[in-house]
Amino acid sequence: MRSKIENDVLFLHHEDVPEYKKGGSVVRNSYFWALRSIAGKASRYGDWEYEPEVWFALRRMLLSFTESGYLGFRETVLEFPAGEEIPEVLRDVSTWQ
């Protein structure tokens, strides 16, 4: 998921976050609600925002869904712009674009 940090807030690009689909995959819908539940802001047409206080929980959540094997790697990894410093707490679940 394309990501960036501005003013100590992590932003996930709104086109990359999972969609909720009624009658869709249970795992994908659970992933949607889990990500949404800890977001500071999660609007349909805007980037989702996460404050530093929840980054550790986000890391654990992403690792858990990655290890489950039900979702693709690109769906559970944060992709930062090249050269942007990745905070220590997010390094296990991040890469550069």
C-alpha atoms as a PDB file:
ATOM      1  CA  MET A   1       0.000   0.000   0.000  1.00  0.00           C
ATOM      2  CA  ARG A   2       1.412   3.356  -0.961  1.00  0.00           C
ATOM      3  CA  SER A   3       2.245   5.216   2.222  1.00  0.00           C
ATOM      4  CA  LYS A   4       3.784   8.449   3.425  1.00  0.00           C
ATOM      5  CA  ILE A   5       4.369  10.212   6.712  1.00  0.00           C
ATOM      6  CA  GLU A   6       3.597  13.892   7.163  1.00  0.00           C
ATOM      7  CA  ASN A   7       3.648  15.711  10.512  1.00  0.00           C
ATOM      8  CA  ASP A   8       4.010  12.367  12.346  1.00  0.00           C
ATOM      9  CA  VAL A   9       0.862  10.965  10.739  1.00  0.00           C
ATOM     10  CA  LEU A  10       1.012   7.880   8.520  1.00  0.00           C
ATOM     11  CA  PHE A  11      -1.159   8.128   5.411  1.00  0.00           C
ATOM     12  CA  LEU A  12      -2.274   5.100   3.386  1.00  0.00           C
ATOM     13  CA  HIS A  13      -3.306   5.915  -0.179  1.00  0.00           C
ATOM     14  CA  HIS A  14      -7.085   5.521  -0.390  1.00  0.00           C
ATOM     15  CA  GLU A  15      -6.908   3.516  -3.637  1.00  0.00           C
ATOM     16  CA  ASP A  16      -4.679   0.910  -1.966  1.00  0.00           C
ATOM     17  CA  VAL A  17      -6.653   0.172   1.201  1.00  0.00           C
ATOM     18  CA  PRO A  18      -8.979  -2.849   1.032  1.00  0.00           C
ATOM     19  CA  GLU A  19     -12.597  -2.369   0.044  1.00  0.00           C
ATOM     20  CA  TYR A  20     -15.504  -3.689   2.048  1.00  0.00           C
ATOM     21  CA  LYS A  21     -17.758  -5.796  -0.165  1.00  0.00           C
ATOM     22  CA  LYS A  22     -21.008  -7.140   1.151  1.00  0.00           C
ATOM     23  CA  GLY A  23     -20.879 -10.860   0.498  1.00  0.00           C
ATOM     24  CA  GLY A  24     -17.174 -10.623  -0.284  1.00  0.00           C
ATOM     25  CA  SER A  25     -14.228 -12.496   1.162  1.00  0.00           C
ATOM     26  CA  VAL A  26     -14.425 -12.835   4.937  1.00  0.00           C
ATOM     27  CA  VAL A  27     -10.662 -12.327   5.265  1.00  0.00           C
ATOM     28  CA  ARG A  28     -10.618  -9.226   3.056  1.00  0.00           C
ATOM     29  CA  ASN A  29     -13.628  -7.716   4.849  1.00  0.00           C
ATOM     30  CA  SER A  30     -12.065  -8.498   8.245  1.00  0.00           C
ATOM     31  CA  TYR A  31      -8.857  -6.822   7.075  1.00  0.00           C
ATOM     32  CA  PHE A  32     -10.848  -3.750   6.010  1.00  0.00           C
ATOM     33  CA  TRP A  33     -12.567  -3.449   9.411  1.00  0.00           C
ATOM     34  CA  ALA A  34      -9.362  -4.122  11.351  1.00  0.00           C
ATOM     35  CA  LEU A  35      -7.489  -1.374   9.485  1.00  0.00           C
ATOM     36  CA  ARG A  36     -10.410   0.993   9.771  1.00  0.00           C
ATOM     37  CA  SER A  37     -10.874   0.381  13.503  1.00  0.00           C
ATOM     38  CA  ILE A  38      -7.489   1.878  14.431  1.00  0.00           C
ATOM     39  CA  ALA A  39      -7.407   4.641  11.805  1.00  0.00           C
ATOM     40  CA  GLY A  40      -7.677   8.203  13.026  1.00  0.00           C
ATOM     41  CA  LYS A  41      -9.460   9.044   9.785  1.00  0.00           C
ATOM     42  CA  ALA A  42     -10.722   6.608   7.147  1.00  0.00           C
ATOM     43  CA  SER A  43     -12.876   8.232   4.516  1.00  0.00           C
ATOM     44  CA  ARG A  44     -14.031   6.546   1.342  1.00  0.00           C
ATOM     45  CA  TYR A  45     -12.331   8.971  -1.045  1.00  0.00           C
ATOM     46  CA  GLY A  46      -9.453  10.192   1.113  1.00  0.00           C
ATOM     47  CA  ASP A  47      -6.243   8.728   2.427  1.00  0.00           C
ATOM     48  CA  TRP A  48      -6.489   6.813   5.699  1.00  0.00           C
ATOM     49  CA  GLU A  49      -4.592   8.347   8.614  1.00  0.00           C
ATOM     50  CA  TYR A  50      -2.789   6.652  11.513  1.00  0.00           C
ATOM     51  CA  GLU A  51      -1.217   8.473  14.464  1.00  0.00           C
ATOM     52  CA  PRO A  52       2.070   7.209  15.975  1.00  0.00           C
ATOM     53  CA  GLU A  53       0.187   5.787  18.991  1.00  0.00           C
ATOM     54  CA  VAL A  54      -1.302   3.018  16.829  1.00  0.00           C
ATOM     55  CA  TRP A  55       1.704   2.199  14.633  1.00  0.00           C
ATOM     56  CA  PHE A  56       2.705  -0.765  16.816  1.00  0.00           C
ATOM     57  CA  ALA A  57      -0.827  -2.205  16.576  1.00  0.00           C
ATOM     58  CA  LEU A  58      -0.814  -1.566  12.809  1.00  0.00           C
ATOM     59  CA  ARG A  59       2.504  -3.424  12.520  1.00  0.00           C
ATOM     60  CA  ARG A  60       1.127  -6.437  14.374  1.00  0.00           C
ATOM     61  CA  MET A  61      -2.028  -6.421  12.285  1.00  0.00           C
ATOM     62  CA  LEU A  62      -0.123  -6.261   8.984  1.00  0.00           C
ATOM     63  CA  LEU A  63       2.228  -9.053  10.073  1.00  0.00           C
ATOM     64  CA  SER A  64      -0.708 -11.220  11.099  1.00  0.00           C
ATOM     65  CA  PHE A  65      -2.568 -10.796   7.812  1.00  0.00           C
ATOM     66  CA  THR A  66       0.677 -11.282   5.838  1.00  0.00           C
ATOM     67  CA  GLU A  67       1.422 -14.543   7.646  1.00  0.00           C
ATOM     68  CA  SER A  68      -2.112 -15.815   7.075  1.00  0.00           C
ATOM     69  CA  GLY A  69      -1.332 -16.175   3.371  1.00  0.00           C
ATOM     70  CA  TYR A  70      -4.827 -15.120   2.287  1.00  0.00           C
ATOM     71  CA  LEU A  71      -3.838 -11.669   1.048  1.00  0.00           C
ATOM     72  CA  GLY A  72      -1.207 -10.606  -1.435  1.00  0.00           C
ATOM     73  CA  PHE A  73       2.124  -9.187  -0.304  1.00  0.00           C
ATOM     74  CA  ARG A  74       1.401  -5.767  -1.830  1.00  0.00           C
ATOM     75  CA  GLU A  75      -1.856  -5.594   0.119  1.00  0.00           C
ATOM     76  CA  THR A  76      -0.156  -5.980   3.490  1.00  0.00           C
ATOM     77  CA  VAL A  77       3.113  -4.069   3.047  1.00  0.00           C
ATOM     78  CA  LEU A  78       3.571  -0.314   3.370  1.00  0.00           C
ATOM     79  CA  GLU A  79       5.366   1.186   0.360  1.00  0.00           C
ATOM     80  CA  PHE A  80       7.094   4.485   1.110  1.00  0.00           C
ATOM     81  CA  PRO A  81       8.552   6.903  -1.439  1.00  0.00           C
ATOM     82  CA  ALA A  82      12.198   6.171  -2.237  1.00  0.00           C
ATOM     83  CA  GLY A  83      14.501   7.769   0.290  1.00  0.00           C
ATOM     84  CA  GLU A  84      11.850   8.458   2.920  1.00  0.00           C
ATOM     85  CA  GLU A  85      12.932   7.333   6.361  1.00  0.00           C
ATOM     86  CA  ILE A  86      10.819   4.457   7.663  1.00  0.00           C
ATOM     87  CA  PRO A  87      10.183   4.546  11.419  1.00  0.00           C
ATOM     88  CA  GLU A  88      11.714   1.622  13.333  1.00  0.00           C
ATOM     89  CA  VAL A  89       8.324   0.304  14.481  1.00  0.00           C
ATOM     90  CA  LEU A  90       7.132  -0.049  10.852  1.00  0.00           C
ATOM     91  CA  ARG A  91      10.305  -1.453   9.239  1.00  0.00           C
ATOM     92  CA  ASP A  92       9.190  -5.116   9.421  1.00  0.00           C
ATOM     93  CA  VAL A  93       6.112  -4.331   7.312  1.00  0.00           C
ATOM     94  CA  SER A  94       7.540  -1.697   4.960  1.00  0.00           C
ATOM     95  CA  THR A  95       9.554  -1.216   1.805  1.00  0.00           C
ATOM     96  CA  TRP A  96      10.296   1.584  -0.658  1.00  0.00           C
ATOM     97  CA  GLN A  97       8.509   2.159  -3.958  1.00  0.00           C
END
